[in-house]
Amino acid sequence: MSTVTSYDDALGFLPTANKDPKRRSLLAKIRLIAQAVHEGHVAARRYQELTAQGVPHDKAATQVFAELYRAD
């Protein structure tokens, strides 16, 4: 039988006790990738809409980034 020397040691039976808090679960990583792909599709669609309306390519790209990725 081991001796508990701290409060944290006593919680060693919990599923999250031995996990690094900075380490993401596989599901969280998949969710993050899916979100990034979705944002890319939204940006591409908006870019296509602008260029179809006759907006020059460089201005369309600048506008898409300004609309979707501006700092709040």
Protein backbone atom coordinates (compact mmCIF):
# COMPACT_ATOMS: atom_id res chain seq x y z
CA MET A 1 0.00 0.00 0.00
CA SER A 2 1.36 3.40 -0.97
CA THR A 3 1.31 6.47 1.21
CA VAL A 4 -0.36 9.63 -0.03
CA THR A 5 1.91 12.62 0.50
CA SER A 6 -0.15 15.40 -1.08
CA TYR A 7 -3.66 16.28 -2.08
CA ASP A 8 -2.78 15.85 -5.76
CA ASP A 9 -1.49 12.34 -5.12
CA ALA A 10 -4.82 11.47 -3.51
CA LEU A 11 -6.63 12.41 -6.72
CA GLY A 12 -4.53 10.07 -8.85
CA PHE A 13 -7.52 7.80 -9.49
CA LEU A 14 -9.32 10.47 -11.53
CA PRO A 15 -9.15 10.07 -15.34
CA THR A 16 -7.76 13.58 -15.79
CA ALA A 17 -5.17 13.32 -13.02
CA ASN A 18 -2.31 12.13 -15.20
CA LYS A 19 -3.11 14.13 -18.34
CA ASP A 20 -1.17 17.14 -19.47
CA PRO A 21 -3.65 20.07 -19.59
CA LYS A 22 -2.00 21.39 -22.78
CA ARG A 23 -2.46 18.09 -24.57
CA ARG A 24 -5.61 17.98 -26.67
CA SER A 25 -7.74 14.93 -27.11
CA LEU A 26 -8.09 13.34 -30.52
CA LEU A 27 -11.68 14.54 -30.77
CA ALA A 28 -10.63 18.12 -30.02
CA LYS A 29 -7.97 17.94 -32.74
CA ILE A 30 -10.46 16.59 -35.28
CA ARG A 31 -12.95 19.30 -34.34
CA LEU A 32 -10.27 21.97 -34.79
CA ILE A 33 -9.32 20.63 -38.24
CA ALA A 34 -12.97 20.47 -39.32
CA GLN A 35 -13.51 24.04 -38.18
CA ALA A 36 -10.46 25.23 -40.14
CA VAL A 37 -11.62 23.44 -43.30
CA HIS A 38 -15.09 24.96 -42.90
CA GLU A 39 -13.65 28.46 -42.50
CA GLY A 40 -11.54 27.90 -45.62
CA HIS A 41 -14.62 26.91 -47.62
CA VAL A 42 -16.50 29.99 -46.39
CA ALA A 43 -13.59 32.23 -47.39
CA ALA A 44 -13.28 30.58 -50.81
CA ARG A 45 -17.00 30.96 -51.46
CA ARG A 46 -16.95 34.64 -50.51
CA TYR A 47 -13.91 35.20 -52.74
CA GLN A 48 -15.71 33.53 -55.66
CA GLU A 49 -18.77 35.72 -55.10
CA LEU A 50 -16.68 38.89 -55.15
CA THR A 51 -14.68 37.95 -58.25
CA ALA A 52 -17.89 36.95 -60.05
CA GLN A 53 -19.19 40.47 -59.36
CA GLY A 54 -16.12 41.92 -61.08
CA VAL A 55 -14.02 42.79 -58.03
CA PRO A 56 -10.30 42.46 -58.89
CA HIS A 57 -8.57 39.43 -57.41
CA ASP A 58 -6.26 41.30 -55.06
CA LYS A 59 -9.07 43.48 -53.71
CA ALA A 60 -11.36 40.46 -53.31
CA ALA A 61 -8.72 38.58 -51.32
CA THR A 62 -8.08 41.61 -49.12
CA GLN A 63 -11.79 42.09 -48.52
CA VAL A 64 -12.35 38.42 -47.64
CA PHE A 65 -9.56 38.49 -45.08
CA ALA A 66 -10.87 41.75 -43.66
CA GLU A 67 -14.40 40.36 -43.32
CA LEU A 68 -13.59 36.91 -41.97
CA TYR A 69 -10.32 37.24 -40.10
CA ARG A 70 -10.36 40.72 -38.64
CA ALA A 71 -9.19 41.09 -35.05
CA ASP A 72 -12.03 41.71 -32.64
